[in-house]
Amino acid sequence: MLGIVLDIGCGYLISRHINRMWLAILASVIGGIIIAFAANMLLGTPPADQASVDVFMKKVVSGVMLNPLIILAALMVFRRTNGAPTKQ
């Protein structure tokens, strides 16, 4: 759950501060990988045996694949809402 909150926050910050799309995509991929490692390795409990290590690494690998996608989705939503013209 913490990873998803961090992903949405990262997508918001990227949409606010980075204007070029290719740079925003690169930042979302790098941010997703960093969040996946931080949320699972630094904040999680270390595995005790080999079976726990396998489960732990599957969580990290799935986070590395899914976190950039969540950041990209948040990036697109926030970019659209931040760039919307105001009606007067």
N, C-alpha and C. Protein backbone atom coordinates (compact mmCIF):
# COMPACT_ATOMS: atom_id res chain seq x y z
N MET A 1 0.82 -1.19 0.00
CA MET A 1 0.00 0.00 0.00
C MET A 1 0.87 1.26 0.00
N LEU A 2 1.95 1.21 0.74
CA LEU A 2 2.85 2.36 0.78
C LEU A 2 3.45 2.64 -0.59
N GLY A 3 3.76 1.57 -1.33
CA GLY A 3 4.33 1.73 -2.66
C GLY A 3 3.39 2.45 -3.61
N ILE A 4 2.10 2.16 -3.51
CA ILE A 4 1.12 2.80 -4.40
C ILE A 4 1.00 4.28 -4.07
N VAL A 5 0.99 4.61 -2.79
CA VAL A 5 0.92 6.02 -2.38
C VAL A 5 2.17 6.77 -2.86
N LEU A 6 3.33 6.14 -2.71
CA LEU A 6 4.56 6.77 -3.19
C LEU A 6 4.56 6.90 -4.72
N ASP A 7 4.00 5.92 -5.42
CA ASP A 7 3.91 6.00 -6.88
C ASP A 7 3.05 7.16 -7.34
N ILE A 8 1.91 7.33 -6.71
CA ILE A 8 1.01 8.43 -7.08
C ILE A 8 1.66 9.78 -6.77
N GLY A 9 2.32 9.87 -5.63
CA GLY A 9 3.03 11.11 -5.30
C GLY A 9 4.16 11.40 -6.27
N CYS A 10 4.86 10.37 -6.68
CA CYS A 10 5.95 10.54 -7.64
C CYS A 10 5.39 10.99 -9.00
N GLY A 11 4.28 10.39 -9.42
CA GLY A 11 3.64 10.81 -10.67
C GLY A 11 3.20 12.26 -10.63
N TYR A 12 2.68 12.69 -9.48
CA TYR A 12 2.27 14.08 -9.33
C TYR A 12 3.46 15.03 -9.43
N LEU A 13 4.54 14.69 -8.72
CA LEU A 13 5.72 15.56 -8.75
C LEU A 13 6.35 15.61 -10.14
N ILE A 14 6.37 14.49 -10.83
CA ILE A 14 6.92 14.47 -12.19
C ILE A 14 6.06 15.32 -13.12
N SER A 15 4.74 15.23 -12.99
CA SER A 15 3.87 16.01 -13.87
C SER A 15 3.98 17.50 -13.60
N ARG A 16 4.27 17.88 -12.37
CA ARG A 16 4.39 19.30 -12.03
C ARG A 16 5.71 19.92 -12.47
N HIS A 17 6.79 19.14 -12.45
CA HIS A 17 8.11 19.74 -12.61
C HIS A 17 8.86 19.36 -13.88
N ILE A 18 8.39 18.38 -14.63
CA ILE A 18 9.09 17.96 -15.84
C ILE A 18 8.16 18.18 -17.03
N ASN A 19 8.62 18.97 -18.00
CA ASN A 19 7.78 19.32 -19.14
C ASN A 19 7.96 18.39 -20.33
N ARG A 20 9.14 17.89 -20.56
CA ARG A 20 9.39 17.02 -21.71
C ARG A 20 8.90 15.62 -21.41
N MET A 21 8.15 15.04 -22.36
CA MET A 21 7.52 13.75 -22.12
C MET A 21 8.54 12.62 -22.01
N TRP A 22 9.56 12.62 -22.85
CA TRP A 22 10.53 11.52 -22.79
C TRP A 22 11.28 11.53 -21.47
N LEU A 23 11.53 12.72 -20.94
CA LEU A 23 12.20 12.82 -19.65
C LEU A 23 11.26 12.40 -18.51
N ALA A 24 9.98 12.69 -18.67
CA ALA A 24 9.00 12.27 -17.67
C ALA A 24 8.86 10.75 -17.64
N ILE A 25 8.89 10.11 -18.81
CA ILE A 25 8.82 8.65 -18.86
C ILE A 25 10.06 8.04 -18.23
N LEU A 26 11.21 8.58 -18.54
CA LEU A 26 12.46 8.09 -17.94
C LEU A 26 12.44 8.26 -16.42
N ALA A 27 11.97 9.40 -15.96
CA ALA A 27 11.90 9.64 -14.51
C ALA A 27 10.91 8.70 -13.84
N SER A 28 9.81 8.37 -14.52
CA SER A 28 8.84 7.46 -13.92
C SER A 28 9.39 6.04 -13.83
N VAL A 29 10.14 5.62 -14.82
CA VAL A 29 10.74 4.28 -14.76
C VAL A 29 11.78 4.22 -13.64
N ILE A 30 12.63 5.21 -13.56
CA ILE A 30 13.65 5.23 -12.50
C ILE A 30 12.99 5.35 -11.12
N GLY A 31 12.00 6.21 -11.01
CA GLY A 31 11.29 6.35 -9.73
C GLY A 31 10.58 5.08 -9.32
N GLY A 32 9.98 4.36 -10.28
CA GLY A 32 9.31 3.11 -9.96
C GLY A 32 10.26 2.04 -9.47
N ILE A 33 11.42 1.97 -10.08
CA ILE A 33 12.42 0.98 -9.64
C ILE A 33 12.92 1.32 -8.24
N ILE A 34 13.18 2.59 -7.99
CA ILE A 34 13.66 2.99 -6.67
C ILE A 34 12.60 2.74 -5.60
N ILE A 35 11.34 3.05 -5.91
CA ILE A 35 10.27 2.82 -4.94
C ILE A 35 10.07 1.33 -4.69
N ALA A 36 10.20 0.51 -5.73
CA ALA A 36 10.04 -0.94 -5.55
C ALA A 36 11.10 -1.48 -4.61
N PHE A 37 12.33 -1.06 -4.79
CA PHE A 37 13.39 -1.53 -3.90
C PHE A 37 13.23 -0.95 -2.50
N ALA A 38 12.88 0.32 -2.39
CA ALA A 38 12.76 0.95 -1.08
C ALA A 38 11.59 0.37 -0.29
N ALA A 39 10.45 0.19 -0.94
CA ALA A 39 9.27 -0.30 -0.22
C ALA A 39 9.43 -1.75 0.21
N ASN A 40 10.14 -2.55 -0.57
CA ASN A 40 10.27 -3.97 -0.23
C ASN A 40 11.53 -4.29 0.55
N MET A 41 12.64 -3.68 0.22
CA MET A 41 13.89 -4.05 0.87
C MET A 41 14.17 -3.24 2.13
N LEU A 42 13.95 -1.95 2.08
CA LEU A 42 14.29 -1.13 3.23
C LEU A 42 13.22 -1.13 4.30
N LEU A 43 11.95 -1.18 3.89
CA LEU A 43 10.86 -1.11 4.86
C LEU A 43 10.32 -2.48 5.24
N GLY A 44 10.59 -3.51 4.43
CA GLY A 44 10.09 -4.85 4.73
C GLY A 44 11.00 -5.58 5.70
N THR A 45 10.53 -6.74 6.13
CA THR A 45 11.35 -7.56 7.02
C THR A 45 12.27 -8.43 6.19
N PRO A 46 13.49 -8.62 6.62
CA PRO A 46 14.41 -9.46 5.84
C PRO A 46 13.99 -10.93 5.90
N PRO A 47 14.15 -11.65 4.80
CA PRO A 47 13.76 -13.06 4.77
C PRO A 47 14.69 -13.92 5.62
N ALA A 48 14.12 -14.98 6.22
CA ALA A 48 14.89 -15.83 7.12
C ALA A 48 15.44 -17.07 6.43
N ASP A 49 14.69 -17.66 5.49
CA ASP A 49 15.15 -18.88 4.84
C ASP A 49 15.03 -18.73 3.32
N GLN A 50 15.41 -19.77 2.59
CA GLN A 50 15.45 -19.69 1.13
C GLN A 50 14.06 -19.52 0.52
N ALA A 51 13.05 -20.15 1.08
CA ALA A 51 11.69 -20.00 0.55
C ALA A 51 11.21 -18.57 0.72
N SER A 52 11.57 -17.96 1.82
CA SER A 52 11.19 -16.56 2.04
C SER A 52 11.93 -15.63 1.09
N VAL A 53 13.16 -15.99 0.75
CA VAL A 53 13.93 -15.17 -0.19
C VAL A 53 13.27 -15.19 -1.56
N ASP A 54 12.79 -16.35 -2.00
CA ASP A 54 12.12 -16.44 -3.30
C ASP A 54 10.85 -15.60 -3.34
N VAL A 55 10.05 -15.67 -2.30
CA VAL A 55 8.83 -14.87 -2.23
C VAL A 55 9.17 -13.39 -2.19
N PHE A 56 10.18 -13.05 -1.43
CA PHE A 56 10.61 -11.66 -1.29
C PHE A 56 11.08 -11.10 -2.64
N MET A 57 11.87 -11.86 -3.38
CA MET A 57 12.36 -11.40 -4.67
C MET A 57 11.24 -11.31 -5.70
N LYS A 58 10.24 -12.18 -5.61
CA LYS A 58 9.09 -12.07 -6.51
C LYS A 58 8.33 -10.77 -6.25
N LYS A 59 8.23 -10.37 -4.98
CA LYS A 59 7.59 -9.10 -4.66
C LYS A 59 8.38 -7.92 -5.22
N VAL A 60 9.69 -7.99 -5.13
CA VAL A 60 10.53 -6.90 -5.65
C VAL A 60 10.42 -6.83 -7.16
N VAL A 61 10.49 -7.97 -7.83
CA VAL A 61 10.43 -7.98 -9.30
C VAL A 61 9.07 -7.52 -9.79
N SER A 62 7.99 -7.95 -9.14
CA SER A 62 6.67 -7.47 -9.56
C SER A 62 6.53 -5.98 -9.30
N GLY A 63 7.13 -5.48 -8.23
CA GLY A 63 7.11 -4.04 -7.97
C GLY A 63 7.89 -3.26 -9.00
N VAL A 64 9.02 -3.81 -9.45
CA VAL A 64 9.83 -3.14 -10.48
C VAL A 64 9.05 -3.04 -11.78
N MET A 65 8.21 -4.02 -12.06
CA MET A 65 7.43 -3.99 -13.30
C MET A 65 6.17 -3.14 -13.17
N LEU A 66 5.51 -3.17 -12.01
CA LEU A 66 4.22 -2.50 -11.87
C LEU A 66 4.33 -1.05 -11.41
N ASN A 67 5.30 -0.71 -10.60
CA ASN A 67 5.39 0.66 -10.08
C ASN A 67 5.57 1.71 -11.18
N PRO A 68 6.41 1.50 -12.20
CA PRO A 68 6.48 2.51 -13.27
C PRO A 68 5.16 2.67 -14.02
N LEU A 69 4.38 1.60 -14.15
CA LEU A 69 3.09 1.72 -14.82
C LEU A 69 2.12 2.57 -14.00
N ILE A 70 2.13 2.40 -12.69
CA ILE A 70 1.27 3.22 -11.83
C ILE A 70 1.71 4.68 -11.88
N ILE A 71 3.01 4.91 -11.88
CA ILE A 71 3.52 6.28 -11.97
C ILE A 71 3.13 6.90 -13.30
N LEU A 72 3.23 6.15 -14.39
CA LEU A 72 2.84 6.69 -15.70
C LEU A 72 1.36 7.02 -15.75
N ALA A 73 0.52 6.17 -15.16
CA ALA A 73 -0.91 6.45 -15.13
C ALA A 73 -1.19 7.72 -14.33
N ALA A 74 -0.56 7.86 -13.17
CA ALA A 74 -0.73 9.07 -12.37
C ALA A 74 -0.19 10.29 -13.10
N LEU A 75 0.92 10.11 -13.81
CA LEU A 75 1.50 11.20 -14.59
C LEU A 75 0.53 11.69 -15.65
N MET A 76 -0.10 10.78 -16.37
CA MET A 76 -1.05 11.17 -17.41
C MET A 76 -2.27 11.87 -16.82
N VAL A 77 -2.77 11.37 -15.70
CA VAL A 77 -3.95 11.99 -15.07
C VAL A 77 -3.61 13.38 -14.57
N PHE A 78 -2.51 13.53 -13.86
CA PHE A 78 -2.16 14.84 -13.32
C PHE A 78 -1.72 15.81 -14.41
N ARG A 79 -1.11 15.32 -15.46
CA ARG A 79 -0.71 16.20 -16.55
C ARG A 79 -1.95 16.75 -17.26
N ARG A 80 -2.96 15.90 -17.41
CA ARG A 80 -4.20 16.35 -18.05
C ARG A 80 -4.94 17.35 -17.17
N THR A 81 -5.00 17.09 -15.85
CA THR A 81 -5.73 18.01 -14.98
C THR A 81 -4.96 19.31 -14.75
N ASN A 82 -3.64 19.25 -14.72
CA ASN A 82 -2.85 20.48 -14.53
C ASN A 82 -2.81 21.33 -15.78
N GLY A 83 -2.91 20.70 -16.95
CA GLY A 83 -2.83 21.43 -18.19
C GLY A 83 -4.18 21.86 -18.74
N ALA A 84 -5.25 21.57 -18.03
CA ALA A 84 -6.58 21.92 -18.51
C ALA A 84 -6.79 23.43 -18.43
N PRO A 85 -7.33 24.02 -19.49
CA PRO A 85 -7.57 25.47 -19.45
C PRO A 85 -8.72 25.80 -18.50
N THR A 86 -8.61 26.94 -17.86
CA THR A 86 -9.66 27.37 -16.95
C THR A 86 -10.77 28.05 -17.73
N LYS A 87 -12.01 27.76 -17.37
CA LYS A 87 -13.16 28.38 -18.02
C LYS A 87 -13.53 29.66 -17.28
N GLN A 88 -13.74 30.71 -18.05
CA GLN A 88 -14.11 31.99 -17.42
C GLN A 88 -15.40 32.49 -17.99
